[in-house]
């Protein structure tokens, strides 16, 4: 069994819960990560009135991860708050940003190669070619 790197995955959920889940599944298949994404799971059962509780849970979870990947079409205020918390707890370590892409299929071969290299720098191995 390969060591998995706890990795927080953030996504602007107002955009699309299915898109968020698609990113989590794709990243988990491609890389040796343990996906950490409480709000993506909770939002499938809770409504926006529970967002403050969801953010509280997210911020605690972020303190336990070694990597952070932001995905989706754009940054939301929640994703920015989560990224700031990650950088605060990792002394300025930047998130990997896949923001600006609706889904993994939007990435070009060159962007995928750059992503693979960035993940490798963070100790996250690509599962297969």
C-alpha atoms as a PDB file:
ATOM      1  CA  UNK A   1       0.000   0.000   0.000  1.00  0.00           C
ATOM      2  CA  UNK A   2       1.323   3.414  -0.937  1.00  0.00           C
ATOM      3  CA  UNK A   3       1.411   6.270   1.571  1.00  0.00           C
ATOM      4  CA  UNK A   4      -1.393   8.717   0.875  1.00  0.00           C
ATOM      5  CA  UNK A   5      -0.920  12.439   1.422  1.00  0.00           C
ATOM      6  CA  UNK A   6      -3.865  14.092   3.225  1.00  0.00           C
ATOM      7  CA  UNK A   7      -4.923  16.744   0.716  1.00  0.00           C
ATOM      8  CA  UNK A   8      -7.672  19.300   1.170  1.00  0.00           C
ATOM      9  CA  UNK A   9      -9.712  19.835  -1.995  1.00  0.00           C
ATOM     10  CA  UNK A  10     -11.632  23.096  -2.274  1.00  0.00           C
ATOM     11  CA  UNK A  11     -14.226  24.022  -4.883  1.00  0.00           C
ATOM     12  CA  UNK A  12     -16.698  26.858  -5.313  1.00  0.00           C
ATOM     13  CA  UNK A  13     -19.848  24.853  -4.666  1.00  0.00           C
ATOM     14  CA  UNK A  14     -22.230  27.521  -5.875  1.00  0.00           C
ATOM     15  CA  UNK A  15     -20.893  26.503  -9.268  1.00  0.00           C
ATOM     16  CA  UNK A  16     -21.793  22.826  -9.111  1.00  0.00           C
ATOM     17  CA  UNK A  17     -21.601  20.036  -6.534  1.00  0.00           C
ATOM     18  CA  UNK A  18     -21.158  17.437  -9.288  1.00  0.00           C
ATOM     19  CA  UNK A  19     -18.169  19.338 -10.650  1.00  0.00           C
ATOM     20  CA  UNK A  20     -16.601  19.370  -7.168  1.00  0.00           C
ATOM     21  CA  UNK A  21     -17.139  15.628  -6.773  1.00  0.00           C
ATOM     22  CA  UNK A  22     -15.700  15.027 -10.261  1.00  0.00           C
ATOM     23  CA  UNK A  23     -12.494  16.908  -9.286  1.00  0.00           C
ATOM     24  CA  UNK A  24     -12.183  14.903  -6.037  1.00  0.00           C
ATOM     25  CA  UNK A  25     -12.605  11.606  -7.897  1.00  0.00           C
ATOM     26  CA  UNK A  26     -10.166  12.582 -10.655  1.00  0.00           C
ATOM     27  CA  UNK A  27      -7.469  13.833  -8.261  1.00  0.00           C
ATOM     28  CA  UNK A  28      -7.855  10.702  -6.107  1.00  0.00           C
ATOM     29  CA  UNK A  29      -7.455   8.413  -9.096  1.00  0.00           C
ATOM     30  CA  UNK A  30      -4.496  10.314 -10.540  1.00  0.00           C
ATOM     31  CA  UNK A  31      -2.474  11.004  -7.361  1.00  0.00           C
ATOM     32  CA  UNK A  32      -1.576   9.315  -4.084  1.00  0.00           C
ATOM     33  CA  UNK A  33      -3.819  11.540  -1.990  1.00  0.00           C
ATOM     34  CA  UNK A  34      -6.276  11.034   0.809  1.00  0.00           C
ATOM     35  CA  UNK A  35      -8.980  13.515  -0.215  1.00  0.00           C
ATOM     36  CA  UNK A  36     -10.171  15.752   2.596  1.00  0.00           C
ATOM     37  CA  UNK A  37     -13.258  17.729   1.591  1.00  0.00           C
ATOM     38  CA  UNK A  38     -15.901  17.849   4.324  1.00  0.00           C
ATOM     39  CA  UNK A  39     -18.073  20.563   2.790  1.00  0.00           C
ATOM     40  CA  UNK A  40     -18.222  18.845  -0.593  1.00  0.00           C
ATOM     41  CA  UNK A  41     -19.673  15.810   1.200  1.00  0.00           C
ATOM     42  CA  UNK A  42     -21.862  17.750   3.642  1.00  0.00           C
ATOM     43  CA  UNK A  43     -23.269  20.058   0.957  1.00  0.00           C
ATOM     44  CA  UNK A  44     -24.858  17.059  -0.719  1.00  0.00           C
ATOM     45  CA  UNK A  45     -27.055  16.688   2.385  1.00  0.00           C
ATOM     46  CA  UNK A  46     -27.144  20.166   3.962  1.00  0.00           C
ATOM     47  CA  UNK A  47     -28.375  23.435   2.515  1.00  0.00           C
ATOM     48  CA  UNK A  48     -26.660  26.806   2.497  1.00  0.00           C
ATOM     49  CA  UNK A  49     -28.080  27.654   5.933  1.00  0.00           C
ATOM     50  CA  UNK A  50     -25.499  25.224   7.371  1.00  0.00           C
ATOM     51  CA  UNK A  51     -22.575  26.821   5.520  1.00  0.00           C
ATOM     52  CA  UNK A  52     -21.120  28.496   8.647  1.00  0.00           C
ATOM     53  CA  UNK A  53     -20.953  25.132  10.433  1.00  0.00           C
ATOM     54  CA  UNK A  54     -19.489  23.563   7.291  1.00  0.00           C
ATOM     55  CA  UNK A  55     -16.782  26.241   7.121  1.00  0.00           C
ATOM     56  CA  UNK A  56     -15.963  25.689  10.802  1.00  0.00           C
ATOM     57  CA  UNK A  57     -15.526  21.967  10.114  1.00  0.00           C
ATOM     58  CA  UNK A  58     -13.443  22.721   7.010  1.00  0.00           C
ATOM     59  CA  UNK A  59     -11.073  25.040   8.869  1.00  0.00           C
ATOM     60  CA  UNK A  60     -10.360  22.384  11.487  1.00  0.00           C
ATOM     61  CA  UNK A  61      -9.787  19.753   8.780  1.00  0.00           C
ATOM     62  CA  UNK A  62      -7.366  22.054   6.943  1.00  0.00           C
ATOM     63  CA  UNK A  63      -5.074  22.076   9.981  1.00  0.00           C
ATOM     64  CA  UNK A  64      -4.493  18.342   9.493  1.00  0.00           C
ATOM     65  CA  UNK A  65      -3.588  18.226   5.799  1.00  0.00           C
ATOM     66  CA  UNK A  66      -0.222  18.424   4.038  1.00  0.00           C
ATOM     67  CA  UNK A  67      -1.476  19.793   0.709  1.00  0.00           C
ATOM     68  CA  UNK A  68      -4.322  21.961  -0.589  1.00  0.00           C
ATOM     69  CA  UNK A  69      -5.784  21.956  -4.103  1.00  0.00           C
ATOM     70  CA  UNK A  70      -8.259  24.636  -5.192  1.00  0.00           C
ATOM     71  CA  UNK A  71     -10.445  23.622  -8.149  1.00  0.00           C
ATOM     72  CA  UNK A  72     -13.355  24.918 -10.167  1.00  0.00           C
ATOM     73  CA  UNK A  73     -14.235  27.846 -12.365  1.00  0.00           C
ATOM     74  CA  UNK A  74     -13.298  30.603  -9.882  1.00  0.00           C
ATOM     75  CA  UNK A  75     -12.324  31.403  -6.299  1.00  0.00           C
ATOM     76  CA  UNK A  76     -15.186  31.961  -3.877  1.00  0.00           C
ATOM     77  CA  UNK A  77     -14.911  33.756  -0.561  1.00  0.00           C
ATOM     78  CA  UNK A  78     -15.104  30.351   1.164  1.00  0.00           C
ATOM     79  CA  UNK A  79     -12.258  28.885  -0.908  1.00  0.00           C
ATOM     80  CA  UNK A  80     -10.165  32.001  -0.178  1.00  0.00           C
ATOM     81  CA  UNK A  81     -10.848  31.645   3.561  1.00  0.00           C
ATOM     82  CA  UNK A  82      -9.853  27.971   3.398  1.00  0.00           C
ATOM     83  CA  UNK A  83      -6.679  28.761   1.403  1.00  0.00           C
ATOM     84  CA  UNK A  84      -5.722  31.494   3.879  1.00  0.00           C
ATOM     85  CA  UNK A  85      -6.154  29.034   6.767  1.00  0.00           C
ATOM     86  CA  UNK A  86      -3.950  26.482   4.985  1.00  0.00           C
ATOM     87  CA  UNK A  87      -1.224  29.061   4.362  1.00  0.00           C
ATOM     88  CA  UNK A  88      -1.431  30.247   7.975  1.00  0.00           C
ATOM     89  CA  UNK A  89      -0.983  26.718   9.349  1.00  0.00           C
ATOM     90  CA  UNK A  90       1.766  25.786   6.905  1.00  0.00           C
ATOM     91  CA  UNK A  91       3.763  29.008   7.280  1.00  0.00           C
ATOM     92  CA  UNK A  92       2.932  30.314   3.816  1.00  0.00           C
ATOM     93  CA  UNK A  93       2.826  27.114   1.754  1.00  0.00           C
ATOM     94  CA  UNK A  94       0.727  27.964  -1.307  1.00  0.00           C
ATOM     95  CA  UNK A  95      -2.215  25.903  -2.512  1.00  0.00           C
ATOM     96  CA  UNK A  96      -2.094  24.181  -5.874  1.00  0.00           C
ATOM     97  CA  UNK A  97      -4.555  26.130  -8.003  1.00  0.00           C
ATOM     98  CA  UNK A  98      -6.655  24.479 -10.659  1.00  0.00           C
ATOM     99  CA  UNK A  99      -9.073  27.400 -10.514  1.00  0.00           C
ATOM    100  CA  UNK A 100     -10.208  28.545 -13.921  1.00  0.00           C
ATOM    101  CA  UNK A 101     -10.936  25.051 -15.180  1.00  0.00           C
ATOM    102  CA  UNK A 102     -14.460  23.635 -15.052  1.00  0.00           C
ATOM    103  CA  UNK A 103     -13.155  20.087 -14.940  1.00  0.00           C
ATOM    104  CA  UNK A 104     -10.076  17.931 -15.383  1.00  0.00           C
ATOM    105  CA  UNK A 105     -10.828  17.380 -19.066  1.00  0.00           C
ATOM    106  CA  UNK A 106     -10.177  21.115 -19.640  1.00  0.00           C
ATOM    107  CA  UNK A 107      -6.476  20.698 -18.794  1.00  0.00           C
ATOM    108  CA  UNK A 108      -4.061  20.527 -21.724  1.00  0.00           C
ATOM    109  CA  UNK A 109      -1.211  18.018 -21.852  1.00  0.00           C
ATOM    110  CA  UNK A 110       1.206  20.801 -20.895  1.00  0.00           C
ATOM    111  CA  UNK A 111      -0.951  21.830 -17.932  1.00  0.00           C
ATOM    112  CA  UNK A 112      -1.199  18.201 -16.819  1.00  0.00           C
ATOM    113  CA  UNK A 113       2.602  17.844 -16.973  1.00  0.00           C
ATOM    114  CA  UNK A 114       3.021  21.030 -14.928  1.00  0.00           C
ATOM    115  CA  UNK A 115       0.474  19.769 -12.408  1.00  0.00           C
ATOM    116  CA  UNK A 116       2.242  16.410 -12.123  1.00  0.00           C
ATOM    117  CA  UNK A 117       5.530  18.222 -11.445  1.00  0.00           C
ATOM    118  CA  UNK A 118       3.950  20.528  -8.851  1.00  0.00           C
ATOM    119  CA  UNK A 119       2.307  17.624  -7.042  1.00  0.00           C
ATOM    120  CA  UNK A 120       5.604  15.698  -7.074  1.00  0.00           C
ATOM    121  CA  UNK A 121       7.340  18.706  -5.460  1.00  0.00           C
ATOM    122  CA  UNK A 122       4.806  18.332  -2.651  1.00  0.00           C
ATOM    123  CA  UNK A 123       5.538  14.632  -2.215  1.00  0.00           C
ATOM    124  CA  UNK A 124       2.411  13.520  -4.053  1.00  0.00           C
ATOM    125  CA  UNK A 125       3.067  10.766  -6.571  1.00  0.00           C
ATOM    126  CA  UNK A 126       1.113  10.181  -9.749  1.00  0.00           C
ATOM    127  CA  UNK A 127      -0.578   6.784  -9.586  1.00  0.00           C
ATOM    128  CA  UNK A 128      -0.250   5.723 -13.221  1.00  0.00           C
ATOM    129  CA  UNK A 129       0.674   7.036 -16.633  1.00  0.00           C
END
